[in-house]
Every structure is written in C-alpha cells, then in structure tokens.
C-alpha cells in the first residue's frame, strides 16, 4: 500500500504527481525545485540561493513524512550547468550529516520553470 505525503511547507506539485509517496517503510520524494512555498515564486538568485531553497523544501517534505535528513539514503541532483557542481555542494553538505547519502548528479538541458537545480531523495521512515 502506498501513502501520499504532502505539506504546505514545500511547493505543491505542478503536475499530475505527488510531493512524496511512502511505501514499505521508505519515502520517495519528487524533485524539489527552488520555489518559495509561501508565495509560489521561484528564487531568482544565485545557484547557491536556489540550492538552499530546493534543499529547504526537501527537508520540509521529509520532516512532514515523519522522517529526517539523517535518514536520507539516496539523492539525485539535477543541475543546469555542471560548472556549478562545487557551488551546489557547498550548500548541500550543510543539510546532510555524515555518512552522506549516496548520490547521483546529472547535468540536464532544462529543468521545470528554468531553475538551476532540482533535488529528489529516497528516505527511510
């Protein structure tokens, strides 16, 4: 059985998908982009500011599920420009304790709303 997870503290889905789904004691999040949940506006700033908002949204969603950032086992980071890799890492490492989750990072041609970064996670309940 799968259970939908949603919170007003992270951006609402902008399509036919859930913010997150819990199944079998695991939580699978959708990608979080740098939208301010209180206004619905994109963070129009540096890649670090966008990463900060995307990770803040991801954290809010994970906490709404009853879990925590310490229980994240895998993330996927989608970035517009691989040259921003280290800049995003400088923000990313503030959100995850050691041992860090496994991670993939992929440069993509375009992200929703033309943002610079999107992050999704798999989390233990």
PDB file of N, CA and C in Angstrom:
ATOM      1  N   UNK A   1       0.845  -1.179   0.000  1.00  0.00           N
ATOM      2  CA  UNK A   1       0.000   0.000   0.000  1.00  0.00           C
ATOM      3  C   UNK A   1       0.891   1.244   0.000  1.00  0.00           C
ATOM      4  N   UNK A   2       0.523   2.224  -0.772  1.00  0.00           N
ATOM      5  CA  UNK A   2       1.279   3.467  -0.804  1.00  0.00           C
ATOM      6  C   UNK A   2       0.445   4.596  -0.219  1.00  0.00           C
ATOM      7  N   UNK A   3       1.155   5.516   0.432  1.00  0.00           N
ATOM      8  CA  UNK A   3       0.517   6.642   1.095  1.00  0.00           C
ATOM      9  C   UNK A   3       1.108   7.933   0.553  1.00  0.00           C
ATOM     10  N   UNK A   4       0.237   8.863   0.195  1.00  0.00           N
ATOM     11  CA  UNK A   4       0.697  10.162  -0.282  1.00  0.00           C
ATOM     12  C   UNK A   4       1.149  11.020   0.896  1.00  0.00           C
ATOM     13  N   UNK A   5       2.258  11.718   0.694  1.00  0.00           N
ATOM     14  CA  UNK A   5       2.760  12.665   1.686  1.00  0.00           C
ATOM     15  C   UNK A   5       2.725  14.046   1.048  1.00  0.00           C
ATOM     16  N   UNK A   6       2.164  15.000   1.766  1.00  0.00           N
ATOM     17  CA  UNK A   6       2.156  16.366   1.256  1.00  0.00           C
ATOM     18  C   UNK A   6       2.206  17.342   2.416  1.00  0.00           C
ATOM     19  N   UNK A   7       2.726  18.517   2.117  1.00  0.00           N
ATOM     20  CA  UNK A   7       2.832  19.569   3.113  1.00  0.00           C
ATOM     21  C   UNK A   7       2.745  20.927   2.431  1.00  0.00           C
ATOM     22  N   UNK A   8       2.230  21.884   3.152  1.00  0.00           N
ATOM     23  CA  UNK A   8       2.190  23.269   2.661  1.00  0.00           C
ATOM     24  C   UNK A   8       3.554  23.947   2.815  1.00  0.00           C
ATOM     25  N   UNK A   9       4.479  23.288   3.510  1.00  0.00           N
ATOM     26  CA  UNK A   9       5.806  23.857   3.737  1.00  0.00           C
ATOM     27  C   UNK A   9       6.791  23.555   2.618  1.00  0.00           C
ATOM     28  N   UNK A  10       6.301  22.909   1.574  1.00  0.00           N
ATOM     29  CA  UNK A  10       7.083  22.656   0.355  1.00  0.00           C
ATOM     30  C   UNK A  10       6.159  22.976  -0.815  1.00  0.00           C
ATOM     31  N   UNK A  11       6.731  23.272  -1.975  1.00  0.00           N
ATOM     32  CA  UNK A  11       5.881  23.643  -3.119  1.00  0.00           C
ATOM     33  C   UNK A  11       4.901  22.536  -3.494  1.00  0.00           C
ATOM     34  N   UNK A  12       3.707  22.933  -3.845  1.00  0.00           N
ATOM     35  CA  UNK A  12       2.705  21.987  -4.330  1.00  0.00           C
ATOM     36  C   UNK A  12       3.163  21.424  -5.677  1.00  0.00           C
ATOM     37  N   UNK A  13       2.705  20.228  -5.982  1.00  0.00           N
ATOM     38  CA  UNK A  13       3.010  19.623  -7.273  1.00  0.00           C
ATOM     39  C   UNK A  13       2.479  20.525  -8.390  1.00  0.00           C
ATOM     40  N   UNK A  14       3.256  20.654  -9.463  1.00  0.00           N
ATOM     41  CA  UNK A  14       2.834  21.486 -10.589  1.00  0.00           C
ATOM     42  C   UNK A  14       2.398  20.619 -11.771  1.00  0.00           C
ATOM     43  N   UNK A  15       2.036  19.387 -11.465  1.00  0.00           N
ATOM     44  CA  UNK A  15       1.587  18.442 -12.476  1.00  0.00           C
ATOM     45  C   UNK A  15       0.905  17.268 -11.795  1.00  0.00           C
ATOM     46  N   UNK A  16       0.618  16.228 -12.557  1.00  0.00           N
ATOM     47  CA  UNK A  16      -0.079  15.064 -12.003  1.00  0.00           C
ATOM     48  C   UNK A  16       0.865  14.112 -11.259  1.00  0.00           C
ATOM     49  N   UNK A  17       1.382  14.560 -10.129  1.00  0.00           N
ATOM     50  CA  UNK A  17       2.260  13.741  -9.295  1.00  0.00           C
ATOM     51  C   UNK A  17       2.119  14.179  -7.848  1.00  0.00           C
ATOM     52  N   UNK A  18       2.610  13.358  -6.939  1.00  0.00           N
ATOM     53  CA  UNK A  18       2.582  13.652  -5.511  1.00  0.00           C
ATOM     54  C   UNK A  18       3.906  14.278  -5.083  1.00  0.00           C
ATOM     55  N   UNK A  19       3.872  15.058  -4.007  1.00  0.00           N
ATOM     56  CA  UNK A  19       5.119  15.583  -3.458  1.00  0.00           C
ATOM     57  C   UNK A  19       6.021  14.430  -3.025  1.00  0.00           C
ATOM     58  N   UNK A  20       5.418  13.428  -2.385  1.00  0.00           N
ATOM     59  CA  UNK A  20       6.167  12.242  -1.969  1.00  0.00           C
ATOM     60  C   UNK A  20       5.194  11.088  -1.770  1.00  0.00           C
ATOM     61  N   UNK A  21       5.742   9.885  -1.823  1.00  0.00           N
ATOM     62  CA  UNK A  21       4.978   8.661  -1.593  1.00  0.00           C
ATOM     63  C   UNK A  21       5.745   7.809  -0.589  1.00  0.00           C
ATOM     64  N   UNK A  22       5.012   7.247   0.371  1.00  0.00           N
ATOM     65  CA  UNK A  22       5.605   6.292   1.302  1.00  0.00           C
ATOM     66  C   UNK A  22       5.093   4.896   0.951  1.00  0.00           C
ATOM     67  N   UNK A  23       6.018   3.960   0.883  1.00  0.00           N
ATOM     68  CA  UNK A  23       5.660   2.563   0.643  1.00  0.00           C
ATOM     69  C   UNK A  23       6.730   1.679   1.279  1.00  0.00           C
ATOM     70  N   UNK A  24       6.306   0.661   1.984  1.00  0.00           N
ATOM     71  CA  UNK A  24       7.238  -0.294   2.574  1.00  0.00           C
ATOM     72  C   UNK A  24       8.269   0.322   3.496  1.00  0.00           C
ATOM     73  N   UNK A  25       7.895   1.345   4.241  1.00  0.00           N
ATOM     74  CA  UNK A  25       8.823   1.972   5.170  1.00  0.00           C
ATOM     75  C   UNK A  25       9.838   2.904   4.518  1.00  0.00           C
ATOM     76  N   UNK A  26       9.653   3.166   3.230  1.00  0.00           N
ATOM     77  CA  UNK A  26      10.546   4.083   2.512  1.00  0.00           C
ATOM     78  C   UNK A  26       9.731   5.240   1.947  1.00  0.00           C
ATOM     79  N   UNK A  27      10.370   6.405   1.856  1.00  0.00           N
ATOM     80  CA  UNK A  27       9.734   7.593   1.302  1.00  0.00           C
ATOM     81  C   UNK A  27      10.486   7.964   0.024  1.00  0.00           C
ATOM     82  N   UNK A  28       9.728   8.196  -1.025  1.00  0.00           N
ATOM     83  CA  UNK A  28      10.275   8.584  -2.325  1.00  0.00           C
ATOM     84  C   UNK A  28       9.743   9.971  -2.634  1.00  0.00           C
ATOM     85  N   UNK A  29      10.639  10.948  -2.695  1.00  0.00           N
ATOM     86  CA  UNK A  29      10.183  12.314  -2.951  1.00  0.00           C
ATOM     87  C   UNK A  29      10.223  12.627  -4.440  1.00  0.00           C
ATOM     88  N   UNK A  30       9.387  13.535  -4.834  1.00  0.00           N
ATOM     89  CA  UNK A  30       9.517  14.131  -6.155  1.00  0.00           C
ATOM     90  C   UNK A  30      10.659  15.132  -6.084  1.00  0.00           C
ATOM     91  N   UNK A  31      11.091  15.603  -7.225  1.00  0.00           N
ATOM     92  CA  UNK A  31      12.155  16.600  -7.247  1.00  0.00           C
ATOM     93  C   UNK A  31      11.664  17.918  -6.677  1.00  0.00           C
ATOM     94  N   UNK A  32      12.470  18.496  -5.809  1.00  0.00           N
ATOM     95  CA  UNK A  32      12.166  19.796  -5.226  1.00  0.00           C
ATOM     96  C   UNK A  32      12.991  20.851  -5.957  1.00  0.00           C
ATOM     97  N   UNK A  33      12.303  21.879  -6.403  1.00  0.00           N
ATOM     98  CA  UNK A  33      12.961  22.987  -7.080  1.00  0.00           C
ATOM     99  C   UNK A  33      12.873  24.228  -6.180  1.00  0.00           C
ATOM    100  N   UNK A  34      13.601  25.287  -6.506  1.00  0.00           N
ATOM    101  CA  UNK A  34      13.652  26.457  -5.628  1.00  0.00           C
ATOM    102  C   UNK A  34      12.442  27.383  -5.739  1.00  0.00           C
ATOM    103  N   UNK A  35      11.311  26.867  -5.311  1.00  0.00           N
ATOM    104  CA  UNK A  35      10.084  27.664  -5.227  1.00  0.00           C
ATOM    105  C   UNK A  35       9.831  27.973  -3.760  1.00  0.00           C
ATOM    106  N   UNK A  36       9.545  29.215  -3.461  1.00  0.00           N
ATOM    107  CA  UNK A  36       9.164  29.580  -2.095  1.00  0.00           C
ATOM    108  C   UNK A  36       7.731  29.098  -1.880  1.00  0.00           C
ATOM    109  N   UNK A  37       7.500  28.165  -0.955  1.00  0.00           N
ATOM    110  CA  UNK A  37       6.152  27.616  -0.798  1.00  0.00           C
ATOM    111  C   UNK A  37       5.116  28.641  -0.363  1.00  0.00           C
ATOM    112  N   UNK A  38       5.545  29.655   0.376  1.00  0.00           N
ATOM    113  CA  UNK A  38       4.582  30.642   0.862  1.00  0.00           C
ATOM    114  C   UNK A  38       4.072  31.573  -0.232  1.00  0.00           C
ATOM    115  N   UNK A  39       4.843  31.741  -1.317  1.00  0.00           N
ATOM    116  CA  UNK A  39       4.437  32.647  -2.398  1.00  0.00           C
ATOM    117  C   UNK A  39       4.244  31.952  -3.745  1.00  0.00           C
ATOM    118  N   UNK A  40       4.848  30.771  -3.892  1.00  0.00           N
ATOM    119  CA  UNK A  40       4.801  30.081  -5.186  1.00  0.00           C
ATOM    120  C   UNK A  40       5.769  30.653  -6.203  1.00  0.00           C
ATOM    121  N   UNK A  41       6.634  31.570  -5.769  1.00  0.00           N
ATOM    122  CA  UNK A  41       7.584  32.226  -6.666  1.00  0.00           C
ATOM    123  C   UNK A  41       8.925  31.498  -6.676  1.00  0.00           C
ATOM    124  N   UNK A  42       9.561  31.513  -7.841  1.00  0.00           N
ATOM    125  CA  UNK A  42      10.901  30.946  -7.992  1.00  0.00           C
ATOM    126  C   UNK A  42      11.919  31.880  -7.322  1.00  0.00           C
ATOM    127  N   UNK A  43      12.898  31.300  -6.635  1.00  0.00           N
ATOM    128  CA  UNK A  43      14.009  32.083  -6.107  1.00  0.00           C
ATOM    129  C   UNK A  43      14.836  32.550  -7.299  1.00  0.00           C
ATOM    130  N   UNK A  44      14.878  33.846  -7.485  1.00  0.00           N
ATOM    131  CA  UNK A  44      15.612  34.423  -8.612  1.00  0.00           C
ATOM    132  C   UNK A  44      16.931  34.949  -8.083  1.00  0.00           C
ATOM    133  N   UNK A  45      17.881  34.022  -7.938  1.00  0.00           N
ATOM    134  CA  UNK A  45      19.159  34.418  -7.373  1.00  0.00           C
ATOM    135  C   UNK A  45      20.249  33.476  -7.836  1.00  0.00           C
ATOM    136  N   UNK A  46      21.316  33.433  -7.081  1.00  0.00           N
ATOM    137  CA  UNK A  46      22.462  32.602  -7.420  1.00  0.00           C
ATOM    138  C   UNK A  46      22.104  31.115  -7.341  1.00  0.00           C
ATOM    139  N   UNK A  47      22.967  30.286  -7.896  1.00  0.00           N
ATOM    140  CA  UNK A  47      22.745  28.846  -7.822  1.00  0.00           C
ATOM    141  C   UNK A  47      22.788  28.388  -6.364  1.00  0.00           C
ATOM    142  N   UNK A  48      23.589  29.051  -5.524  1.00  0.00           N
ATOM    143  CA  UNK A  48      23.607  28.704  -4.101  1.00  0.00           C
ATOM    144  C   UNK A  48      22.267  29.017  -3.449  1.00  0.00           C
ATOM    145  N   UNK A  49      21.691  30.159  -3.775  1.00  0.00           N
ATOM    146  CA  UNK A  49      20.380  30.524  -3.217  1.00  0.00           C
ATOM    147  C   UNK A  49      19.302  29.559  -3.699  1.00  0.00           C
ATOM    148  N   UNK A  50      19.389  29.152  -4.961  1.00  0.00           N
ATOM    149  CA  UNK A  50      18.423  28.192  -5.480  1.00  0.00           C
ATOM    150  C   UNK A  50      18.607  26.827  -4.818  1.00  0.00           C
ATOM    151  N   UNK A  51      19.840  26.393  -4.623  1.00  0.00           N
ATOM    152  CA  UNK A  51      20.098  25.115  -3.950  1.00  0.00           C
ATOM    153  C   UNK A  51      19.589  25.157  -2.511  1.00  0.00           C
ATOM    154  N   UNK A  52      19.811  26.274  -1.845  1.00  0.00           N
ATOM    155  CA  UNK A  52      19.340  26.444  -0.461  1.00  0.00           C
ATOM    156  C   UNK A  52      17.826  26.276  -0.379  1.00  0.00           C
ATOM    157  N   UNK A  53      17.088  26.897  -1.296  1.00  0.00           N
ATOM    158  CA  UNK A  53      15.633  26.794  -1.258  1.00  0.00           C
ATOM    159  C   UNK A  53      15.171  25.385  -1.624  1.00  0.00           C
ATOM    160  N   UNK A  54      15.784  24.776  -2.630  1.00  0.00           N
ATOM    161  CA  UNK A  54      15.408  23.407  -3.011  1.00  0.00           C
ATOM    162  C   UNK A  54      15.635  22.445  -1.849  1.00  0.00           C
ATOM    163  N   UNK A  55      16.764  22.581  -1.164  1.00  0.00           N
ATOM    164  CA  UNK A  55      17.057  21.707  -0.023  1.00  0.00           C
ATOM    165  C   UNK A  55      16.154  22.007   1.169  1.00  0.00           C
ATOM    166  N   UNK A  56      15.825  23.259   1.380  1.00  0.00           N
ATOM    167  CA  UNK A  56      14.882  23.624   2.438  1.00  0.00           C
ATOM    168  C   UNK A  56      13.515  22.998   2.165  1.00  0.00           C
ATOM    169  N   UNK A  57      13.091  23.024   0.911  1.00  0.00           N
ATOM    170  CA  UNK A  57      11.824  22.400   0.530  1.00  0.00           C
ATOM    171  C   UNK A  57      11.879  20.892   0.745  1.00  0.00           C
ATOM    172  N   UNK A  58      12.996  20.278   0.353  1.00  0.00           N
ATOM    173  CA  UNK A  58      13.160  18.836   0.527  1.00  0.00           C
ATOM    174  C   UNK A  58      13.113  18.471   2.008  1.00  0.00           C
ATOM    175  N   UNK A  59      13.800  19.239   2.830  1.00  0.00           N
ATOM    176  CA  UNK A  59      13.807  18.995   4.280  1.00  0.00           C
ATOM    177  C   UNK A  59      12.396  19.102   4.861  1.00  0.00           C
ATOM    178  N   UNK A  60      11.643  20.120   4.459  1.00  0.00           N
ATOM    179  CA  UNK A  60      10.271  20.293   4.957  1.00  0.00           C
ATOM    180  C   UNK A  60       9.404  19.099   4.575  1.00  0.00           C
ATOM    181  N   UNK A  61       9.566  18.615   3.370  1.00  0.00           N
ATOM    182  CA  UNK A  61       8.787  17.470   2.913  1.00  0.00           C
ATOM    183  C   UNK A  61       9.168  16.213   3.690  1.00  0.00           C
ATOM    184  N   UNK A  62      10.452  15.990   3.881  1.00  0.00           N
ATOM    185  CA  UNK A  62      10.919  14.815   4.619  1.00  0.00           C
ATOM    186  C   UNK A  62      10.429  14.876   6.069  1.00  0.00           C
ATOM    187  N   UNK A  63      10.508  16.031   6.688  1.00  0.00           N
ATOM    188  CA  UNK A  63      10.019  16.170   8.059  1.00  0.00           C
ATOM    189  C   UNK A  63       8.506  15.985   8.138  1.00  0.00           C
ATOM    190  N   UNK A  64       7.767  16.421   7.122  1.00  0.00           N
ATOM    191  CA  UNK A  64       6.314  16.223   7.095  1.00  0.00           C
ATOM    192  C   UNK A  64       5.963  14.735   7.014  1.00  0.00           C
ATOM    193  N   UNK A  65       6.883  13.940   6.484  1.00  0.00           N
ATOM    194  CA  UNK A  65       6.648  12.499   6.378  1.00  0.00           C
ATOM    195  C   UNK A  65       6.888  11.791   7.704  1.00  0.00           C
ATOM    196  N   UNK A  66       7.461  12.506   8.683  1.00  0.00           N
ATOM    197  CA  UNK A  66       7.799  11.905   9.962  1.00  0.00           C
ATOM    198  C   UNK A  66       9.222  11.388  10.008  1.00  0.00           C
ATOM    199  N   UNK A  67      10.010  11.691   9.003  1.00  0.00           N
ATOM    200  CA  UNK A  67      11.393  11.245   8.958  1.00  0.00           C
ATOM    201  C   UNK A  67      12.324  12.445   9.124  1.00  0.00           C
ATOM    202  N   UNK A  68      13.597  12.264   8.775  1.00  0.00           N
ATOM    203  CA  UNK A  68      14.569  13.347   8.948  1.00  0.00           C
ATOM    204  C   UNK A  68      15.672  13.228   7.906  1.00  0.00           C
ATOM    205  N   UNK A  69      16.429  14.289   7.777  1.00  0.00           N
ATOM    206  CA  UNK A  69      17.530  14.317   6.808  1.00  0.00           C
ATOM    207  C   UNK A  69      18.586  13.258   7.132  1.00  0.00           C
ATOM    208  N   UNK A  70      18.704  12.869   8.391  1.00  0.00           N
ATOM    209  CA  UNK A  70      19.649  11.827   8.790  1.00  0.00           C
ATOM    210  C   UNK A  70      19.304  10.475   8.195  1.00  0.00           C
ATOM    211  N   UNK A  71      18.057  10.306   7.775  1.00  0.00           N
ATOM    212  CA  UNK A  71      17.596   9.009   7.252  1.00  0.00           C
ATOM    213  C   UNK A  71      17.542   8.970   5.725  1.00  0.00           C
ATOM    214  N   UNK A  72      18.048  10.006   5.074  1.00  0.00           N
ATOM    215  CA  UNK A  72      18.125  10.017   3.607  1.00  0.00           C
ATOM    216  C   UNK A  72      19.208   9.036   3.183  1.00  0.00           C
ATOM    217  N   UNK A  73      18.856   8.108   2.288  1.00  0.00           N
ATOM    218  CA  UNK A  73      19.838   7.117   1.832  1.00  0.00           C
ATOM    219  C   UNK A  73      20.343   7.393   0.426  1.00  0.00           C
ATOM    220  N   UNK A  74      19.583   8.156  -0.370  1.00  0.00           N
ATOM    221  CA  UNK A  74      19.981   8.409  -1.759  1.00  0.00           C
ATOM    222  C   UNK A  74      19.358   9.714  -2.217  1.00  0.00           C
ATOM    223  N   UNK A  75      20.132  10.504  -2.940  1.00  0.00           N
ATOM    224  CA  UNK A  75      19.591  11.693  -3.591  1.00  0.00           C
ATOM    225  C   UNK A  75      19.987  11.679  -5.058  1.00  0.00           C
ATOM    226  N   UNK A  76      19.211  12.396  -5.834  1.00  0.00           N
ATOM    227  CA  UNK A  76      19.573  12.678  -7.221  1.00  0.00           C
ATOM    228  C   UNK A  76      19.495  14.191  -7.374  1.00  0.00           C
ATOM    229  N   UNK A  77      20.581  14.767  -7.844  1.00  0.00           N
ATOM    230  CA  UNK A  77      20.669  16.213  -8.046  1.00  0.00           C
ATOM    231  C   UNK A  77      20.745  16.464  -9.553  1.00  0.00           C
ATOM    232  N   UNK A  78      19.808  17.238 -10.030  1.00  0.00           N
ATOM    233  CA  UNK A  78      19.785  17.638 -11.440  1.00  0.00           C
ATOM    234  C   UNK A  78      20.237  19.087 -11.496  1.00  0.00           C
ATOM    235  N   UNK A  79      21.255  19.371 -12.306  1.00  0.00           N
ATOM    236  CA  UNK A  79      21.739  20.743 -12.404  1.00  0.00           C
ATOM    237  C   UNK A  79      21.803  21.180 -13.865  1.00  0.00           C
ATOM    238  N   UNK A  80      21.604  22.467 -14.049  1.00  0.00           N
ATOM    239  CA  UNK A  80      21.620  23.033 -15.392  1.00  0.00           C
ATOM    240  C   UNK A  80      23.033  23.128 -15.951  1.00  0.00           C
ATOM    241  N   UNK A  81      24.023  23.338 -15.067  1.00  0.00           N
ATOM    242  CA  UNK A  81      25.394  23.562 -15.512  1.00  0.00           C
ATOM    243  C   UNK A  81      26.357  22.843 -14.573  1.00  0.00           C
ATOM    244  N   UNK A  82      27.070  21.840 -15.070  1.00  0.00           N
ATOM    245  CA  UNK A  82      27.997  21.069 -14.247  1.00  0.00           C
ATOM    246  C   UNK A  82      29.097  21.946 -13.659  1.00  0.00           C
ATOM    247  N   UNK A  83      29.334  23.118 -14.224  1.00  0.00           N
ATOM    248  CA  UNK A  83      30.301  24.043 -13.635  1.00  0.00           C
ATOM    249  C   UNK A  83      29.845  24.552 -12.261  1.00  0.00           C
ATOM    250  N   UNK A  84      28.554  24.375 -11.935  1.00  0.00           N
ATOM    251  CA  UNK A  84      28.010  24.786 -10.634  1.00  0.00           C
ATOM    252  C   UNK A  84      28.118  23.686  -9.579  1.00  0.00           C
ATOM    253  N   UNK A  85      28.697  22.548  -9.934  1.00  0.00           N
ATOM    254  CA  UNK A  85      28.770  21.379  -9.050  1.00  0.00           C
ATOM    255  C   UNK A  85      29.321  21.735  -7.660  1.00  0.00           C
ATOM    256  N   UNK A  86      30.465  22.380  -7.584  1.00  0.00           N
ATOM    257  CA  UNK A  86      31.074  22.674  -6.283  1.00  0.00           C
ATOM    258  C   UNK A  86      30.278  23.732  -5.518  1.00  0.00           C
ATOM    259  N   UNK A  87      29.657  24.653  -6.226  1.00  0.00           N
ATOM    260  CA  UNK A  87      28.839  25.683  -5.571  1.00  0.00           C
ATOM    261  C   UNK A  87      27.607  25.058  -4.925  1.00  0.00           C
ATOM    262  N   UNK A  88      27.006  24.102  -5.608  1.00  0.00           N
ATOM    263  CA  UNK A  88      25.854  23.395  -5.045  1.00  0.00           C
ATOM    264  C   UNK A  88      26.301  22.521  -3.879  1.00  0.00           C
ATOM    265  N   UNK A  89      27.453  21.868  -4.012  1.00  0.00           N
ATOM    266  CA  UNK A  89      27.981  21.045  -2.920  1.00  0.00           C
ATOM    267  C   UNK A  89      28.179  21.840  -1.641  1.00  0.00           C
ATOM    268  N   UNK A  90      28.596  23.087  -1.760  1.00  0.00           N
ATOM    269  CA  UNK A  90      28.846  23.902  -0.569  1.00  0.00           C
ATOM    270  C   UNK A  90      27.561  24.118   0.237  1.00  0.00           C
ATOM    271  N   UNK A  91      26.423  24.123  -0.424  1.00  0.00           N
ATOM    272  CA  UNK A  91      25.131  24.239   0.255  1.00  0.00           C
ATOM    273  C   UNK A  91      24.648  22.851   0.679  1.00  0.00           C
ATOM    274  N   UNK A  92      24.750  21.890  -0.209  1.00  0.00           N
ATOM    275  CA  UNK A  92      24.267  20.526   0.011  1.00  0.00           C
ATOM    276  C   UNK A  92      24.829  19.927   1.295  1.00  0.00           C
ATOM    277  N   UNK A  93      26.134  20.088   1.518  1.00  0.00           N
ATOM    278  CA  UNK A  93      26.770  19.438   2.663  1.00  0.00           C
ATOM    279  C   UNK A  93      26.274  19.976   4.003  1.00  0.00           C
ATOM    280  N   UNK A  94      25.652  21.146   4.023  1.00  0.00           N
ATOM    281  CA  UNK A  94      25.100  21.692   5.269  1.00  0.00           C
ATOM    282  C   UNK A  94      23.813  20.977   5.692  1.00  0.00           C
ATOM    283  N   UNK A  95      23.173  20.296   4.757  1.00  0.00           N
ATOM    284  CA  UNK A  95      21.886  19.661   5.026  1.00  0.00           C
ATOM    285  C   UNK A  95      21.982  18.192   5.414  1.00  0.00           C
ATOM    286  N   UNK A  96      23.112  17.554   5.153  1.00  0.00           N
ATOM    287  CA  UNK A  96      23.228  16.119   5.384  1.00  0.00           C
ATOM    288  C   UNK A  96      24.397  15.800   6.303  1.00  0.00           C
ATOM    289  N   UNK A  97      24.134  15.028   7.364  1.00  0.00           N
ATOM    290  CA  UNK A  97      25.223  14.611   8.241  1.00  0.00           C
ATOM    291  C   UNK A  97      25.980  13.428   7.627  1.00  0.00           C
ATOM    292  N   UNK A  98      27.182  13.222   8.103  1.00  0.00           N
ATOM    293  CA  UNK A  98      27.966  12.069   7.687  1.00  0.00           C
ATOM    294  C   UNK A  98      27.446  10.836   8.429  1.00  0.00           C
ATOM    295  N   UNK A  99      27.377   9.684   7.827  1.00  0.00           N
ATOM    296  CA  UNK A  99      27.770   9.424   6.444  1.00  0.00           C
ATOM    297  C   UNK A  99      26.727  10.004   5.489  1.00  0.00           C
ATOM    298  N   UNK A 100      27.220  10.657   4.460  1.00  0.00           N
ATOM    299  CA  UNK A 100      26.338  11.297   3.481  1.00  0.00           C
ATOM    300  C   UNK A 100      25.552  10.245   2.708  1.00  0.00           C
ATOM    301  N   UNK A 101      24.370  10.629   2.200  1.00  0.00           N
ATOM    302  CA  UNK A 101      23.620   9.697   1.366  1.00  0.00           C
ATOM    303  C   UNK A 101      24.370   9.405   0.061  1.00  0.00           C
ATOM    304  N   UNK A 102      24.073   8.265  -0.533  1.00  0.00           N
ATOM    305  CA  UNK A 102      24.542   8.003  -1.894  1.00  0.00           C
ATOM    306  C   UNK A 102      23.916   9.079  -2.780  1.00  0.00           C
ATOM    307  N   UNK A 103      24.570   9.396  -3.890  1.00  0.00           N
ATOM    308  CA  UNK A 103      24.048  10.492  -4.717  1.00  0.00           C
ATOM    309  C   UNK A 103      24.468  10.334  -6.167  1.00  0.00           C
ATOM    310  N   UNK A 104      23.577  10.743  -7.027  1.00  0.00           N
ATOM    311  CA  UNK A 104      23.894  10.942  -8.440  1.00  0.00           C
ATOM    312  C   UNK A 104      23.712  12.420  -8.725  1.00  0.00           C
ATOM    313  N   UNK A 105      24.513  12.950  -9.636  1.00  0.00           N
ATOM    314  CA  UNK A 105      24.367  14.340 -10.050  1.00  0.00           C
ATOM    315  C   UNK A 105      24.440  14.363 -11.570  1.00  0.00           C
ATOM    316  N   UNK A 106      23.427  14.936 -12.179  1.00  0.00           N
ATOM    317  CA  UNK A 106      23.304  14.907 -13.622  1.00  0.00           C
ATOM    318  C   UNK A 106      23.080  16.308 -14.163  1.00  0.00           C
ATOM    319  N   UNK A 107      23.840  16.680 -15.180  1.00  0.00           N
ATOM    320  CA  UNK A 107      23.582  17.930 -15.882  1.00  0.00           C
ATOM    321  C   UNK A 107      22.474  17.672 -16.895  1.00  0.00           C
ATOM    322  N   UNK A 108      21.490  18.556 -16.896  1.00  0.00           N
ATOM    323  CA  UNK A 108      20.348  18.405 -17.792  1.00  0.00           C
ATOM    324  C   UNK A 108      20.197  19.647 -18.664  1.00  0.00           C
ATOM    325  N   UNK A 109      19.518  19.491 -19.779  1.00  0.00           N
ATOM    326  CA  UNK A 109      19.335  20.602 -20.708  1.00  0.00           C
ATOM    327  C   UNK A 109      18.394  21.664 -20.145  1.00  0.00           C
ATOM    328  N   UNK A 110      17.363  21.211 -19.418  1.00  0.00           N
ATOM    329  CA  UNK A 110      16.383  22.164 -18.914  1.00  0.00           C
ATOM    330  C   UNK A 110      15.628  21.551 -17.753  1.00  0.00           C
ATOM    331  N   UNK A 111      15.305  22.376 -16.763  1.00  0.00           N
ATOM    332  CA  UNK A 111      14.539  21.950 -15.597  1.00  0.00           C
ATOM    333  C   UNK A 111      13.224  22.714 -15.550  1.00  0.00           C
ATOM    334  N   UNK A 112      12.232  22.209 -14.793  1.00  0.00           N
ATOM    335  CA  UNK A 112      10.962  22.923 -14.693  1.00  0.00           C
ATOM    336  C   UNK A 112      11.169  24.376 -14.262  1.00  0.00           C
ATOM    337  N   UNK A 113      10.418  25.256 -14.858  1.00  0.00           N
ATOM    338  CA  UNK A 113      10.456  26.692 -14.558  1.00  0.00           C
ATOM    339  C   UNK A 113      11.825  27.304 -14.828  1.00  0.00           C
ATOM    340  N   UNK A 114      12.671  26.617 -15.598  1.00  0.00           N
ATOM    341  CA  UNK A 114      14.017  27.089 -15.945  1.00  0.00           C
ATOM    342  C   UNK A 114      14.909  27.360 -14.736  1.00  0.00           C
ATOM    343  N   UNK A 115      14.728  26.578 -13.665  1.00  0.00           N
ATOM    344  CA  UNK A 115      15.579  26.727 -12.485  1.00  0.00           C
ATOM    345  C   UNK A 115      16.951  26.101 -12.744  1.00  0.00           C
ATOM    346  N   UNK A 116      17.876  26.320 -11.826  1.00  0.00           N
ATOM    347  CA  UNK A 116      19.235  25.812 -11.973  1.00  0.00           C
ATOM    348  C   UNK A 116      19.467  24.466 -11.307  1.00  0.00           C
ATOM    349  N   UNK A 117      18.573  24.072 -10.380  1.00  0.00           N
ATOM    350  CA  UNK A 117      18.787  22.845  -9.617  1.00  0.00           C
ATOM    351  C   UNK A 117      17.451  22.222  -9.197  1.00  0.00           C
ATOM    352  N   UNK A 118      17.436  20.895  -9.157  1.00  0.00           N
ATOM    353  CA  UNK A 118      16.298  20.120  -8.659  1.00  0.00           C
ATOM    354  C   UNK A 118      16.873  18.937  -7.906  1.00  0.00           C
ATOM    355  N   UNK A 119      16.275  18.608  -6.747  1.00  0.00           N
ATOM    356  CA  UNK A 119      16.812  17.537  -5.906  1.00  0.00           C
ATOM    357  C   UNK A 119      15.679  16.642  -5.441  1.00  0.00           C
ATOM    358  N   UNK A 120      15.891  15.330  -5.567  1.00  0.00           N
ATOM    359  CA  UNK A 120      14.932  14.344  -5.055  1.00  0.00           C
ATOM    360  C   UNK A 120      15.653  13.407  -4.109  1.00  0.00           C
ATOM    361  N   UNK A 121      14.890  12.643  -3.301  1.00  0.00           N
ATOM    362  CA  UNK A 121      15.516  11.785  -2.307  1.00  0.00           C
ATOM    363  C   UNK A 121      14.721  10.510  -2.075  1.00  0.00           C
ATOM    364  N   UNK A 122      15.426   9.513  -1.580  1.00  0.00           N
ATOM    365  CA  UNK A 122      14.839   8.283  -1.045  1.00  0.00           C
ATOM    366  C   UNK A 122      15.236   8.245   0.419  1.00  0.00           C
ATOM    367  N   UNK A 123      14.234   8.040   1.278  1.00  0.00           N
ATOM    368  CA  UNK A 123      14.421   8.226   2.711  1.00  0.00           C
ATOM    369  C   UNK A 123      13.827   7.045   3.484  1.00  0.00           C
ATOM    370  N   UNK A 124      14.512   6.608   4.536  1.00  0.00           N
ATOM    371  CA  UNK A 124      13.942   5.611   5.448  1.00  0.00           C
ATOM    372  C   UNK A 124      12.941   6.301   6.363  1.00  0.00           C
ATOM    373  N   UNK A 125      11.858   5.630   6.644  1.00  0.00           N
ATOM    374  CA  UNK A 125      10.847   6.192   7.556  1.00  0.00           C
ATOM    375  C   UNK A 125      11.381   6.170   8.943  1.00  0.00           C
TER     376      UNK A 125
END
